[in-house]
C-alpha cells in the first residue's frame, strides 16, 4: 500500500478578471506522505491560500489531478466530496471560525455530529481531545469567553476529531502573539506525533516553518524545495 496520502499533478488555476485571464498556479506537482509535516511559504499573493482551497476540494483547478487517500476528488459529486472532506480532511484557518452559540465541547463535536455520530460518543471523544490540549476545564465556555490561543487550540481539536488523513492549515498562528503562537505550534507538532495525521501548513513564519519535516516555497506559480 502506498504511503502517499496526497498527490497532485500538473495543477493549474486561472481566474478571469473581466477580459483578463490571471494565472495563479501553473503545472504544480506535490506529494505528501503519511504523517508528514510540510510547510508552504511564499510572498503574499503568490497563491498559497488558492492552493490549499484546491487541495481541500473547496475550489476546482483549471487543469490537473488531485488524489487524497487514493481517491480522485475531482471525479466526485459535490455530495460525495462534501462527505469526503468531512471524513478525510481537517481544516484550520487564521481565524478560528468557531460557532459562537456553541460551547468549546460542542464546537469540537460538530464534524462528528454532521456525520451522524452518536451525540454522547462524540462528546466523549471531544472531551479526551480537550484534555489532551489542556482545556478540559473550559469545555462549557463559548468562544467569546476564551482567549485567542484557546480558541485556536479548540479549532485544531475540531480539525482532528474525525481522525482525518490530512490537515490543511492556513496561517494557523497568524492572529496570535509570538509566545502564544509557539504554544499553538507546539500543540500541532505534539498532536501530529500522537495521531499520525499529515499536515500542510501555510505560514509566513520562517522559524515555525523550520520545525516542519519539509519546507516548500511557492513562487513563479509553482512549488520549489
Protein backbone atom coordinates (compact mmCIF):
# COMPACT_ATOMS: atom_id res chain seq x y z
CA UNK A 1 0.00 0.00 0.00
CA UNK A 2 1.34 3.44 -0.93
CA UNK A 3 2.41 5.79 1.85
CA UNK A 4 1.43 8.79 -0.31
CA UNK A 5 -1.65 10.38 1.28
CA UNK A 6 -1.96 13.35 -1.11
CA UNK A 7 -0.73 13.79 -4.64
CA UNK A 8 -1.49 16.43 -7.22
CA UNK A 9 -0.08 16.60 -10.73
CA UNK A 10 0.10 19.43 -13.27
CA UNK A 11 -2.19 21.56 -11.14
CA UNK A 12 -3.10 24.92 -12.66
CA UNK A 13 -5.59 27.59 -11.67
CA UNK A 14 -6.58 30.55 -13.81
CA UNK A 15 -9.07 33.24 -12.82
CA UNK A 16 -10.93 35.62 -15.11
CA UNK A 17 -10.96 39.31 -14.24
CA UNK A 18 -13.10 40.98 -16.87
CA UNK A 19 -11.37 40.24 -20.16
CA UNK A 20 -8.12 39.33 -18.43
CA UNK A 21 -7.00 35.80 -17.53
CA UNK A 22 -4.86 35.69 -14.39
CA UNK A 23 -2.82 32.53 -13.96
CA UNK A 24 -2.14 31.90 -10.24
CA UNK A 25 -0.79 28.33 -10.33
CA UNK A 26 0.79 26.50 -13.27
CA UNK A 27 1.71 22.82 -13.66
CA UNK A 28 2.26 22.39 -9.93
CA UNK A 29 3.16 18.93 -8.57
CA UNK A 30 3.08 17.82 -4.95
CA UNK A 31 3.31 14.59 -2.94
CA UNK A 32 2.63 14.31 0.80
CA UNK A 33 3.36 11.14 2.75
CA UNK A 34 1.53 9.73 5.74
CA UNK A 35 2.35 11.66 8.96
CA UNK A 36 4.48 14.18 7.03
CA UNK A 37 4.59 17.81 8.18
CA UNK A 38 5.01 20.20 5.26
CA UNK A 39 5.30 23.99 5.42
CA UNK A 40 4.43 26.12 2.40
CA UNK A 41 5.94 29.59 2.37
CA UNK A 42 5.88 32.36 -0.18
CA UNK A 43 5.20 36.02 -0.78
CA UNK A 44 1.79 37.49 -0.17
CA UNK A 45 -0.39 36.91 -3.22
CA UNK A 46 1.72 34.00 -4.50
CA UNK A 47 -1.25 31.62 -4.42
CA UNK A 48 -0.76 29.75 -1.12
CA UNK A 49 -4.39 30.01 0.00
CA UNK A 50 -5.59 29.19 -3.53
CA UNK A 51 -3.50 26.01 -3.42
CA UNK A 52 -4.99 24.95 -0.06
CA UNK A 53 -8.52 25.57 -1.38
CA UNK A 54 -7.78 23.32 -4.34
CA UNK A 55 -6.24 20.56 -2.21
CA UNK A 56 -9.19 20.69 0.16
CA UNK A 57 -11.75 20.41 -2.62
CA UNK A 58 -13.13 23.88 -1.90
CA UNK A 59 -12.30 25.03 -5.42
CA UNK A 60 -11.62 23.22 -8.69
CA UNK A 61 -8.39 23.58 -10.68
CA UNK A 62 -8.36 24.70 -14.30
CA UNK A 63 -6.24 21.63 -15.13
CA UNK A 64 -4.58 18.81 -13.22
CA UNK A 65 -5.45 15.98 -10.83
CA UNK A 66 -5.77 15.74 -7.04
CA UNK A 67 -5.71 12.40 -5.24
CA UNK A 68 -6.24 12.06 -1.48
CA UNK A 69 -6.13 8.67 0.26
CA UNK A 70 -6.10 7.09 -3.19
CA UNK A 71 -9.26 8.86 -4.36
CA UNK A 72 -9.53 11.33 -7.25
CA UNK A 73 -11.50 14.12 -5.59
CA UNK A 74 -12.15 15.89 -8.91
CA UNK A 75 -14.31 12.97 -10.07
CA UNK A 76 -16.58 13.09 -7.02
CA UNK A 77 -20.07 14.53 -6.96
CA UNK A 78 -20.49 17.59 -4.74
CA UNK A 79 -22.35 15.49 -2.17
CA UNK A 80 -19.68 12.78 -2.12
CA UNK A 81 -16.91 15.37 -1.97
CA UNK A 82 -18.57 17.13 0.96
CA UNK A 83 -18.71 13.87 2.91
CA UNK A 84 -15.14 13.00 1.90
CA UNK A 85 -13.90 16.38 3.18
CA UNK A 86 -15.69 15.85 6.47
CA UNK A 87 -14.17 12.40 6.95
CA UNK A 88 -10.69 12.70 5.48
CA UNK A 89 -9.59 16.35 5.65
CA UNK A 90 -9.25 18.70 8.60
CA UNK A 91 -9.13 22.47 8.11
CA UNK A 92 -7.54 25.11 10.37
CA UNK A 93 -7.62 28.79 9.43
CA UNK A 94 -6.04 32.01 10.67
CA UNK A 95 -9.44 32.88 12.14
CA UNK A 96 -10.88 30.05 14.24
CA UNK A 97 -14.41 30.04 12.70
CA UNK A 98 -15.90 28.56 15.87
CA UNK A 99 -19.68 28.77 16.15
CA UNK A 100 -20.42 31.47 18.75
CA UNK A 101 -23.64 29.94 20.07
CA UNK A 102 -21.99 26.62 20.97
CA UNK A 103 -19.52 25.89 23.77
CA UNK A 104 -16.00 24.50 23.26
CA UNK A 105 -17.05 20.86 23.59
CA UNK A 106 -19.94 21.27 21.14
CA UNK A 107 -17.76 23.07 18.59
CA UNK A 108 -15.32 20.17 18.59
CA UNK A 109 -18.18 17.66 18.26
CA UNK A 110 -19.72 19.40 15.25
CA UNK A 111 -17.89 17.48 12.44
CA UNK A 112 -18.89 14.16 14.05
CA UNK A 113 -22.49 15.25 14.51
CA UNK A 114 -22.60 16.18 10.82
CA UNK A 115 -21.57 12.58 10.09
CA UNK A 116 -24.49 11.32 12.20
CA UNK A 117 -22.20 10.18 15.03
CA UNK A 118 -23.89 9.33 18.36
CA UNK A 119 -24.01 12.59 20.35
CA UNK A 120 -22.73 11.16 23.62
CA UNK A 121 -19.92 9.19 21.98
CA UNK A 122 -18.90 12.33 20.11
CA UNK A 123 -18.79 14.25 23.39
CA UNK A 124 -16.62 11.53 24.95
CA UNK A 125 -14.13 11.74 22.09
CA UNK A 126 -14.17 15.55 22.20
CA UNK A 127 -13.58 15.57 25.97
CA UNK A 128 -10.50 13.38 25.51
CA UNK A 129 -9.15 15.81 22.93
CA UNK A 130 -9.90 18.78 25.19
CA UNK A 131 -8.00 17.06 27.98
CA UNK A 132 -5.06 16.41 25.62
CA UNK A 133 -4.84 20.12 24.69
CA UNK A 134 -5.20 21.20 28.31
CA UNK A 135 -8.62 22.83 28.03
CA UNK A 136 -11.00 20.32 29.59
CA UNK A 137 -11.93 22.80 32.31
CA UNK A 138 -13.03 25.22 29.57
CA UNK A 139 -15.39 22.77 27.86
CA UNK A 140 -18.55 24.73 28.78
CA UNK A 141 -17.18 28.11 27.67
CA UNK A 142 -18.31 29.72 24.45
CA UNK A 143 -15.76 31.23 22.02
CA UNK A 144 -16.30 34.78 23.32
CA UNK A 145 -15.22 33.58 26.78
CA UNK A 146 -11.94 32.09 25.52
CA UNK A 147 -8.60 33.73 24.70
CA UNK A 148 -7.27 33.83 21.14
CA UNK A 149 -4.86 30.99 21.83
CA UNK A 150 -7.59 28.89 23.46
CA UNK A 151 -9.92 29.43 20.51
CA UNK A 152 -7.23 28.33 18.07
CA UNK A 153 -6.47 25.22 20.13
CA UNK A 154 -10.19 24.38 20.04
CA UNK A 155 -10.16 24.87 16.25
CA UNK A 156 -7.23 22.45 15.93
CA UNK A 157 -9.03 19.88 18.10
CA UNK A 158 -12.13 20.27 15.91
CA UNK A 159 -10.00 19.55 12.83
CA UNK A 160 -8.65 16.37 14.46
CA UNK A 161 -11.90 14.99 15.91
CA UNK A 162 -12.77 12.94 12.81
CA UNK A 163 -9.24 11.44 12.73
CA UNK A 164 -8.61 12.78 9.21
CA UNK A 165 -5.82 11.62 6.93
CA UNK A 166 -4.54 15.16 6.42
CA UNK A 167 -4.96 18.63 7.90
CA UNK A 168 -4.71 21.78 5.81
CA UNK A 169 -3.80 24.82 7.91
CA UNK A 170 -3.75 28.37 6.53
CA UNK A 171 -1.68 30.69 8.76
CA UNK A 172 -2.95 28.92 11.91
CA UNK A 173 -0.89 31.17 14.20
CA UNK A 174 -1.21 34.37 12.16
CA UNK A 175 -3.53 36.13 14.62
CA UNK A 176 -1.53 35.24 17.73
CA UNK A 177 1.36 36.88 19.55
CA UNK A 178 4.72 35.12 19.32
CA UNK A 179 4.52 33.36 22.69
CA UNK A 180 1.00 32.05 22.09
CA UNK A 181 1.88 31.12 18.50
CA UNK A 182 4.77 28.99 19.78
CA UNK A 183 2.44 27.17 22.19
CA UNK A 184 -0.13 26.51 19.48
CA UNK A 185 2.54 25.25 17.10
CA UNK A 186 3.95 23.01 19.85
CA UNK A 187 0.45 21.56 20.09
CA UNK A 188 0.32 20.96 16.33
CA UNK A 189 3.62 19.04 16.46
CA UNK A 190 2.53 17.07 19.51
CA UNK A 191 -0.81 16.07 18.00
CA UNK A 192 0.90 15.15 14.74
CA UNK A 193 3.13 12.68 16.59
CA UNK A 194 0.17 11.29 18.56
CA UNK A 195 -2.29 10.97 15.66
CA UNK A 196 -0.02 10.37 12.66
CA UNK A 197 -2.08 12.82 10.64
CA UNK A 198 -0.21 14.52 7.80
CA UNK A 199 -0.31 18.30 7.79
CA UNK A 200 0.25 21.04 5.24
CA UNK A 201 0.76 24.38 6.96
CA UNK A 202 0.86 27.68 5.09
CA UNK A 203 2.86 30.13 7.20
CA UNK A 204 4.83 33.36 6.86
CA UNK A 205 6.82 32.48 9.99
CA UNK A 206 10.15 31.00 8.87
CA UNK A 207 11.04 29.90 12.40
CA UNK A 208 7.86 27.86 12.66
CA UNK A 209 8.33 26.52 9.13
CA UNK A 210 11.82 25.37 10.12
CA UNK A 211 10.30 22.95 12.63
CA UNK A 212 8.48 21.03 9.91
CA UNK A 213 9.72 17.95 8.03
CA UNK A 214 9.87 19.82 4.74
CA UNK A 215 9.63 23.43 3.53
CA UNK A 216 8.28 24.22 0.07
CA UNK A 217 8.29 27.70 -1.43
CA UNK A 218 5.52 28.82 -3.73
CA UNK A 219 6.86 31.24 -6.32
CA UNK A 220 6.51 31.76 -10.05
CA UNK A 221 3.19 29.83 -9.86
CA UNK A 222 4.75 26.55 -8.69
CA UNK A 223 6.48 24.86 -5.72
CA UNK A 224 10.21 24.65 -5.04
CA UNK A 225 12.03 22.69 -2.33
